[in-house]
């Protein structure tokens, strides 16, 4: 058995090792999507203290169903992603938004409604920060993946935008990647235009930029739009 003095010396070293490990594993990848489906954190029992993530009806009106309504991406479903969960600029270097995420070593119970500060590490967004709340589960690119919820970002595998807004069969623009210019946002439903334009204004049309990330306390502005927090 090690003497108490030796144990005391090992504890700080162990903590330093863990901190270094965490710092080395905080790089992430980003993509973008907007499929209009009910987000996975909109169902009950995903580990949050208050929630689930709010959803809306076909007319973008908030539902008060505590997560019970079937998703608009399923046959007969009537719960959709709310337009209020689009990103917005706080200032020239900081923005808020939402994302489907997959964090290494975690589960939905650990990331649903958690917030993360993303710092972009590639041009043209180098140094800018986007604080996102996890409202959905992604992971097409593996662990530490943030699929940013941006109107016109592409519907991907699922598409409820045709049912909710009358979008083309593959959504607006390309099914994967979405629209190509700010001008394409002009034809969007009014509720989604600002979020679509954000991609070409604050986000500068970046295509899946790299990030580092850290877990943070959710800003009240993000929580107010989803009604969900840890």
C-alpha atoms as a PDB file:
ATOM      1  CA  UNK A   1       0.000   0.000   0.000  1.00  0.00           C
ATOM      2  CA  UNK A   2       1.292   3.447  -0.895  1.00  0.00           C
ATOM      3  CA  UNK A   3       1.838   5.884   1.971  1.00  0.00           C
ATOM      4  CA  UNK A   4      -0.556   8.820   2.232  1.00  0.00           C
ATOM      5  CA  UNK A   5       2.103  11.234   0.991  1.00  0.00           C
ATOM      6  CA  UNK A   6       2.585   9.212  -2.188  1.00  0.00           C
ATOM      7  CA  UNK A   7      -1.147   8.997  -2.801  1.00  0.00           C
ATOM      8  CA  UNK A   8      -1.402  12.754  -2.394  1.00  0.00           C
ATOM      9  CA  UNK A   9       1.266  13.250  -5.030  1.00  0.00           C
ATOM     10  CA  UNK A  10      -0.463  10.906  -7.476  1.00  0.00           C
ATOM     11  CA  UNK A  11      -3.871  12.583  -7.330  1.00  0.00           C
ATOM     12  CA  UNK A  12      -2.824  15.879  -8.998  1.00  0.00           C
ATOM     13  CA  UNK A  13      -0.893  13.911 -11.615  1.00  0.00           C
ATOM     14  CA  UNK A  14      -3.950  11.787 -12.380  1.00  0.00           C
ATOM     15  CA  UNK A  15      -6.130  14.864 -12.680  1.00  0.00           C
ATOM     16  CA  UNK A  16      -3.604  16.462 -15.031  1.00  0.00           C
ATOM     17  CA  UNK A  17      -3.613  13.332 -17.179  1.00  0.00           C
ATOM     18  CA  UNK A  18      -7.407  13.376 -17.418  1.00  0.00           C
ATOM     19  CA  UNK A  19      -7.433  17.076 -18.284  1.00  0.00           C
ATOM     20  CA  UNK A  20      -4.856  16.555 -21.004  1.00  0.00           C
ATOM     21  CA  UNK A  21      -6.892  13.664 -22.416  1.00  0.00           C
ATOM     22  CA  UNK A  22     -10.039  15.777 -22.521  1.00  0.00           C
ATOM     23  CA  UNK A  23      -8.223  18.665 -24.193  1.00  0.00           C
ATOM     24  CA  UNK A  24      -6.820  16.332 -26.844  1.00  0.00           C
ATOM     25  CA  UNK A  25     -10.268  14.992 -27.737  1.00  0.00           C
ATOM     26  CA  UNK A  26     -12.226  18.198 -28.222  1.00  0.00           C
ATOM     27  CA  UNK A  27     -11.983  18.505 -31.995  1.00  0.00           C
ATOM     28  CA  UNK A  28     -15.163  18.039 -33.972  1.00  0.00           C
ATOM     29  CA  UNK A  29     -16.706  17.964 -37.417  1.00  0.00           C
ATOM     30  CA  UNK A  30     -19.742  19.876 -38.661  1.00  0.00           C
ATOM     31  CA  UNK A  31     -22.374  19.391 -41.314  1.00  0.00           C
ATOM     32  CA  UNK A  32     -25.747  21.087 -41.779  1.00  0.00           C
ATOM     33  CA  UNK A  33     -29.360  20.015 -42.100  1.00  0.00           C
ATOM     34  CA  UNK A  34     -32.974  21.089 -41.790  1.00  0.00           C
ATOM     35  CA  UNK A  35     -35.400  18.206 -42.280  1.00  0.00           C
ATOM     36  CA  UNK A  36     -38.430  19.659 -40.421  1.00  0.00           C
ATOM     37  CA  UNK A  37     -38.754  16.369 -38.471  1.00  0.00           C
ATOM     38  CA  UNK A  38     -39.483  16.236 -34.769  1.00  0.00           C
ATOM     39  CA  UNK A  39     -36.015  16.194 -33.129  1.00  0.00           C
ATOM     40  CA  UNK A  40     -35.052  13.107 -31.144  1.00  0.00           C
ATOM     41  CA  UNK A  41     -34.667  15.178 -27.958  1.00  0.00           C
ATOM     42  CA  UNK A  42     -38.341  16.101 -28.423  1.00  0.00           C
ATOM     43  CA  UNK A  43     -39.301  12.700 -27.020  1.00  0.00           C
ATOM     44  CA  UNK A  44     -39.612  12.164 -23.272  1.00  0.00           C
ATOM     45  CA  UNK A  45     -37.042  10.249 -21.226  1.00  0.00           C
ATOM     46  CA  UNK A  46     -33.812  11.402 -22.859  1.00  0.00           C
ATOM     47  CA  UNK A  47     -32.029  12.439 -19.664  1.00  0.00           C
ATOM     48  CA  UNK A  48     -32.872  16.131 -19.358  1.00  0.00           C
ATOM     49  CA  UNK A  49     -34.101  17.712 -16.137  1.00  0.00           C
ATOM     50  CA  UNK A  50     -36.703  19.939 -17.811  1.00  0.00           C
ATOM     51  CA  UNK A  51     -38.016  19.233 -21.271  1.00  0.00           C
ATOM     52  CA  UNK A  52     -38.369  17.712 -23.790  1.00  0.00           C
ATOM     53  CA  UNK A  53     -37.432  19.982 -26.711  1.00  0.00           C
ATOM     54  CA  UNK A  54     -40.527  21.809 -27.903  1.00  0.00           C
ATOM     55  CA  UNK A  55     -42.061  20.897 -31.242  1.00  0.00           C
ATOM     56  CA  UNK A  56     -44.606  22.592 -33.496  1.00  0.00           C
ATOM     57  CA  UNK A  57     -47.597  21.657 -35.595  1.00  0.00           C
ATOM     58  CA  UNK A  58     -47.755  21.932 -39.368  1.00  0.00           C
ATOM     59  CA  UNK A  59     -48.477  25.660 -39.073  1.00  0.00           C
ATOM     60  CA  UNK A  60     -45.413  26.222 -36.868  1.00  0.00           C
ATOM     61  CA  UNK A  61     -47.504  26.658 -33.707  1.00  0.00           C
ATOM     62  CA  UNK A  62     -45.996  25.196 -30.499  1.00  0.00           C
ATOM     63  CA  UNK A  63     -47.414  21.866 -29.351  1.00  0.00           C
ATOM     64  CA  UNK A  64     -48.024  21.171 -25.671  1.00  0.00           C
ATOM     65  CA  UNK A  65     -47.782  17.401 -25.784  1.00  0.00           C
ATOM     66  CA  UNK A  66     -44.770  16.641 -23.519  1.00  0.00           C
ATOM     67  CA  UNK A  67     -43.132  14.743 -26.352  1.00  0.00           C
ATOM     68  CA  UNK A  68     -45.985  12.331 -27.106  1.00  0.00           C
ATOM     69  CA  UNK A  69     -46.954  13.420 -30.644  1.00  0.00           C
ATOM     70  CA  UNK A  70     -45.656  11.332 -33.538  1.00  0.00           C
ATOM     71  CA  UNK A  71     -43.056  12.933 -35.810  1.00  0.00           C
ATOM     72  CA  UNK A  72     -44.080  14.505 -39.116  1.00  0.00           C
ATOM     73  CA  UNK A  73     -41.429  12.281 -40.713  1.00  0.00           C
ATOM     74  CA  UNK A  74     -43.532   9.237 -39.811  1.00  0.00           C
ATOM     75  CA  UNK A  75     -46.799   8.263 -41.477  1.00  0.00           C
ATOM     76  CA  UNK A  76     -49.620  10.107 -39.772  1.00  0.00           C
ATOM     77  CA  UNK A  77     -47.256  12.206 -37.649  1.00  0.00           C
ATOM     78  CA  UNK A  78     -47.998  15.835 -36.853  1.00  0.00           C
ATOM     79  CA  UNK A  79     -45.029  17.118 -34.804  1.00  0.00           C
ATOM     80  CA  UNK A  80     -42.367  19.153 -36.607  1.00  0.00           C
ATOM     81  CA  UNK A  81     -39.222  21.133 -35.916  1.00  0.00           C
ATOM     82  CA  UNK A  82     -40.078  24.696 -34.879  1.00  0.00           C
ATOM     83  CA  UNK A  83     -38.766  27.544 -37.029  1.00  0.00           C
ATOM     84  CA  UNK A  84     -37.571  29.259 -33.827  1.00  0.00           C
ATOM     85  CA  UNK A  85     -34.785  26.671 -33.657  1.00  0.00           C
ATOM     86  CA  UNK A  86     -32.920  28.320 -36.534  1.00  0.00           C
ATOM     87  CA  UNK A  87     -29.555  30.021 -35.802  1.00  0.00           C
ATOM     88  CA  UNK A  88     -29.059  33.749 -35.282  1.00  0.00           C
ATOM     89  CA  UNK A  89     -26.147  36.151 -34.852  1.00  0.00           C
ATOM     90  CA  UNK A  90     -25.461  37.644 -31.425  1.00  0.00           C
ATOM     91  CA  UNK A  91     -22.721  39.860 -32.855  1.00  0.00           C
ATOM     92  CA  UNK A  92     -20.066  39.661 -35.576  1.00  0.00           C
ATOM     93  CA  UNK A  93     -18.128  36.876 -33.857  1.00  0.00           C
ATOM     94  CA  UNK A  94     -20.717  34.963 -31.794  1.00  0.00           C
ATOM     95  CA  UNK A  95     -23.922  33.209 -32.836  1.00  0.00           C
ATOM     96  CA  UNK A  96     -26.464  30.892 -31.211  1.00  0.00           C
ATOM     97  CA  UNK A  97     -28.195  27.860 -32.684  1.00  0.00           C
ATOM     98  CA  UNK A  98     -29.085  24.197 -32.398  1.00  0.00           C
ATOM     99  CA  UNK A  99     -27.615  20.938 -33.637  1.00  0.00           C
ATOM    100  CA  UNK A 100     -27.952  17.206 -33.925  1.00  0.00           C
ATOM    101  CA  UNK A 101     -24.903  15.831 -32.148  1.00  0.00           C
ATOM    102  CA  UNK A 102     -22.955  12.713 -31.294  1.00  0.00           C
ATOM    103  CA  UNK A 103     -20.277  13.049 -28.619  1.00  0.00           C
ATOM    104  CA  UNK A 104     -17.609  10.389 -28.121  1.00  0.00           C
ATOM    105  CA  UNK A 105     -18.320   8.252 -25.058  1.00  0.00           C
ATOM    106  CA  UNK A 106     -21.814   9.710 -24.563  1.00  0.00           C
ATOM    107  CA  UNK A 107     -25.444   8.862 -25.247  1.00  0.00           C
ATOM    108  CA  UNK A 108     -28.605  10.866 -25.818  1.00  0.00           C
ATOM    109  CA  UNK A 109     -29.070  10.856 -22.052  1.00  0.00           C
ATOM    110  CA  UNK A 110     -25.841  12.829 -21.696  1.00  0.00           C
ATOM    111  CA  UNK A 111     -26.096  15.245 -24.628  1.00  0.00           C
ATOM    112  CA  UNK A 112     -29.816  15.967 -25.174  1.00  0.00           C
ATOM    113  CA  UNK A 113     -30.379  19.661 -24.350  1.00  0.00           C
ATOM    114  CA  UNK A 114     -26.721  20.108 -23.353  1.00  0.00           C
ATOM    115  CA  UNK A 115     -24.931  23.128 -24.825  1.00  0.00           C
ATOM    116  CA  UNK A 116     -21.553  23.324 -26.516  1.00  0.00           C
ATOM    117  CA  UNK A 117     -19.414  26.254 -27.582  1.00  0.00           C
ATOM    118  CA  UNK A 118     -17.948  25.578 -31.013  1.00  0.00           C
ATOM    119  CA  UNK A 119     -14.872  27.536 -32.071  1.00  0.00           C
ATOM    120  CA  UNK A 120     -14.226  27.406 -35.801  1.00  0.00           C
ATOM    121  CA  UNK A 121     -10.694  26.472 -36.783  1.00  0.00           C
ATOM    122  CA  UNK A 122     -10.880  26.865 -40.552  1.00  0.00           C
ATOM    123  CA  UNK A 123     -11.484  29.707 -42.996  1.00  0.00           C
ATOM    124  CA  UNK A 124     -13.612  31.712 -43.505  1.00  0.00           C
ATOM    125  CA  UNK A 125     -14.875  31.421 -39.910  1.00  0.00           C
ATOM    126  CA  UNK A 126     -11.538  31.106 -38.113  1.00  0.00           C
ATOM    127  CA  UNK A 127     -11.983  32.162 -34.479  1.00  0.00           C
ATOM    128  CA  UNK A 128     -15.734  32.736 -34.633  1.00  0.00           C
ATOM    129  CA  UNK A 129     -17.886  30.967 -32.021  1.00  0.00           C
ATOM    130  CA  UNK A 130     -21.255  29.256 -32.312  1.00  0.00           C
ATOM    131  CA  UNK A 131     -22.996  28.135 -29.117  1.00  0.00           C
ATOM    132  CA  UNK A 132     -25.413  25.295 -29.861  1.00  0.00           C
ATOM    133  CA  UNK A 133     -27.916  23.327 -27.845  1.00  0.00           C
ATOM    134  CA  UNK A 134     -28.209  19.628 -28.726  1.00  0.00           C
ATOM    135  CA  UNK A 135     -31.792  19.035 -29.826  1.00  0.00           C
ATOM    136  CA  UNK A 136     -31.272  15.968 -31.988  1.00  0.00           C
ATOM    137  CA  UNK A 137     -28.926  13.055 -32.556  1.00  0.00           C
ATOM    138  CA  UNK A 138     -26.574  12.930 -35.524  1.00  0.00           C
ATOM    139  CA  UNK A 139     -23.386  11.023 -36.161  1.00  0.00           C
ATOM    140  CA  UNK A 140     -23.082  10.406 -39.897  1.00  0.00           C
ATOM    141  CA  UNK A 141     -19.401  11.339 -39.621  1.00  0.00           C
ATOM    142  CA  UNK A 142     -18.783   9.454 -36.366  1.00  0.00           C
ATOM    143  CA  UNK A 143     -18.103  10.804 -32.889  1.00  0.00           C
ATOM    144  CA  UNK A 144     -17.863  14.519 -32.032  1.00  0.00           C
ATOM    145  CA  UNK A 145     -20.149  15.418 -34.911  1.00  0.00           C
ATOM    146  CA  UNK A 146     -22.317  18.559 -34.894  1.00  0.00           C
ATOM    147  CA  UNK A 147     -24.993  18.603 -37.601  1.00  0.00           C
ATOM    148  CA  UNK A 148     -26.007  22.269 -37.487  1.00  0.00           C
ATOM    149  CA  UNK A 149     -29.715  23.047 -37.829  1.00  0.00           C
ATOM    150  CA  UNK A 150     -29.839  25.625 -40.640  1.00  0.00           C
ATOM    151  CA  UNK A 151     -32.950  26.159 -42.802  1.00  0.00           C
ATOM    152  CA  UNK A 152     -32.068  25.219 -46.360  1.00  0.00           C
ATOM    153  CA  UNK A 153     -29.108  23.142 -45.183  1.00  0.00           C
ATOM    154  CA  UNK A 154     -30.429  19.984 -46.827  1.00  0.00           C
ATOM    155  CA  UNK A 155     -33.016  17.516 -45.563  1.00  0.00           C
ATOM    156  CA  UNK A 156     -30.697  14.511 -45.648  1.00  0.00           C
ATOM    157  CA  UNK A 157     -32.237  11.073 -45.114  1.00  0.00           C
ATOM    158  CA  UNK A 158     -35.617  12.294 -43.872  1.00  0.00           C
ATOM    159  CA  UNK A 159     -37.874  15.045 -45.193  1.00  0.00           C
ATOM    160  CA  UNK A 160     -40.909  16.499 -43.457  1.00  0.00           C
ATOM    161  CA  UNK A 161     -40.459  19.929 -45.094  1.00  0.00           C
ATOM    162  CA  UNK A 162     -42.646  18.907 -48.020  1.00  0.00           C
ATOM    163  CA  UNK A 163     -45.493  18.060 -45.642  1.00  0.00           C
ATOM    164  CA  UNK A 164     -44.986  21.114 -43.437  1.00  0.00           C
ATOM    165  CA  UNK A 165     -44.103  23.824 -45.962  1.00  0.00           C
ATOM    166  CA  UNK A 166     -44.700  22.386 -49.415  1.00  0.00           C
ATOM    167  CA  UNK A 167     -40.966  22.154 -50.169  1.00  0.00           C
ATOM    168  CA  UNK A 168     -39.830  20.219 -53.273  1.00  0.00           C
ATOM    169  CA  UNK A 169     -39.646  16.404 -52.903  1.00  0.00           C
ATOM    170  CA  UNK A 170     -35.947  16.535 -51.973  1.00  0.00           C
ATOM    171  CA  UNK A 171     -36.259  19.675 -49.894  1.00  0.00           C
ATOM    172  CA  UNK A 172     -34.863  23.032 -50.942  1.00  0.00           C
ATOM    173  CA  UNK A 173     -31.723  22.789 -53.088  1.00  0.00           C
ATOM    174  CA  UNK A 174     -29.712  19.569 -52.900  1.00  0.00           C
ATOM    175  CA  UNK A 175     -30.977  16.843 -50.594  1.00  0.00           C
ATOM    176  CA  UNK A 176     -27.496  16.790 -49.023  1.00  0.00           C
ATOM    177  CA  UNK A 177     -26.092  20.308 -48.693  1.00  0.00           C
ATOM    178  CA  UNK A 178     -29.196  22.336 -49.436  1.00  0.00           C
ATOM    179  CA  UNK A 179     -29.361  25.657 -51.261  1.00  0.00           C
ATOM    180  CA  UNK A 180     -26.418  27.360 -52.954  1.00  0.00           C
ATOM    181  CA  UNK A 181     -26.893  31.096 -52.415  1.00  0.00           C
ATOM    182  CA  UNK A 182     -28.632  33.709 -50.300  1.00  0.00           C
ATOM    183  CA  UNK A 183     -30.894  34.466 -53.248  1.00  0.00           C
ATOM    184  CA  UNK A 184     -32.282  30.927 -52.913  1.00  0.00           C
ATOM    185  CA  UNK A 185     -33.614  31.917 -49.481  1.00  0.00           C
ATOM    186  CA  UNK A 186     -36.001  34.456 -51.036  1.00  0.00           C
ATOM    187  CA  UNK A 187     -38.487  31.718 -51.942  1.00  0.00           C
ATOM    188  CA  UNK A 188     -38.530  30.232 -48.440  1.00  0.00           C
ATOM    189  CA  UNK A 189     -41.459  30.440 -46.009  1.00  0.00           C
ATOM    190  CA  UNK A 190     -41.221  33.719 -44.106  1.00  0.00           C
ATOM    191  CA  UNK A 191     -40.488  31.940 -40.829  1.00  0.00           C
ATOM    192  CA  UNK A 192     -37.344  30.306 -42.262  1.00  0.00           C
ATOM    193  CA  UNK A 193     -35.894  33.122 -44.369  1.00  0.00           C
ATOM    194  CA  UNK A 194     -33.746  34.703 -41.638  1.00  0.00           C
ATOM    195  CA  UNK A 195     -32.213  31.354 -40.664  1.00  0.00           C
ATOM    196  CA  UNK A 196     -31.459  30.526 -44.289  1.00  0.00           C
ATOM    197  CA  UNK A 197     -29.874  33.941 -44.873  1.00  0.00           C
ATOM    198  CA  UNK A 198     -27.760  33.541 -41.691  1.00  0.00           C
ATOM    199  CA  UNK A 199     -25.809  30.814 -43.459  1.00  0.00           C
ATOM    200  CA  UNK A 200     -24.619  33.256 -46.118  1.00  0.00           C
ATOM    201  CA  UNK A 201     -24.209  36.263 -43.811  1.00  0.00           C
ATOM    202  CA  UNK A 202     -22.699  35.419 -40.400  1.00  0.00           C
ATOM    203  CA  UNK A 203     -21.715  31.876 -41.471  1.00  0.00           C
ATOM    204  CA  UNK A 204     -20.206  33.206 -44.718  1.00  0.00           C
ATOM    205  CA  UNK A 205     -21.340  30.231 -46.769  1.00  0.00           C
ATOM    206  CA  UNK A 206     -18.836  27.957 -45.019  1.00  0.00           C
ATOM    207  CA  UNK A 207     -18.983  24.314 -46.076  1.00  0.00           C
ATOM    208  CA  UNK A 208     -18.701  21.936 -43.100  1.00  0.00           C
ATOM    209  CA  UNK A 209     -16.008  23.902 -41.215  1.00  0.00           C
ATOM    210  CA  UNK A 210     -13.849  22.222 -38.557  1.00  0.00           C
ATOM    211  CA  UNK A 211     -14.260  23.109 -34.877  1.00  0.00           C
ATOM    212  CA  UNK A 212     -12.990  22.631 -31.398  1.00  0.00           C
ATOM    213  CA  UNK A 213     -15.657  22.452 -28.727  1.00  0.00           C
ATOM    214  CA  UNK A 214     -16.303  22.635 -25.017  1.00  0.00           C
ATOM    215  CA  UNK A 215     -19.391  21.940 -22.934  1.00  0.00           C
ATOM    216  CA  UNK A 216     -20.935  25.110 -21.490  1.00  0.00           C
ATOM    217  CA  UNK A 217     -23.939  26.235 -19.491  1.00  0.00           C
ATOM    218  CA  UNK A 218     -26.814  26.910 -21.881  1.00  0.00           C
ATOM    219  CA  UNK A 219     -27.572  30.579 -22.518  1.00  0.00           C
ATOM    220  CA  UNK A 220     -31.087  31.462 -21.437  1.00  0.00           C
ATOM    221  CA  UNK A 221     -31.858  32.614 -24.990  1.00  0.00           C
ATOM    222  CA  UNK A 222     -31.380  29.054 -26.307  1.00  0.00           C
ATOM    223  CA  UNK A 223     -33.374  27.438 -23.503  1.00  0.00           C
ATOM    224  CA  UNK A 224     -36.236  29.898 -24.005  1.00  0.00           C
ATOM    225  CA  UNK A 225     -36.794  28.637 -27.552  1.00  0.00           C
ATOM    226  CA  UNK A 226     -36.771  24.902 -26.730  1.00  0.00           C
ATOM    227  CA  UNK A 227     -38.079  24.812 -23.168  1.00  0.00           C
ATOM    228  CA  UNK A 228     -35.448  22.164 -22.393  1.00  0.00           C
ATOM    229  CA  UNK A 229     -32.427  22.213 -20.098  1.00  0.00           C
ATOM    230  CA  UNK A 230     -30.320  19.832 -18.081  1.00  0.00           C
END
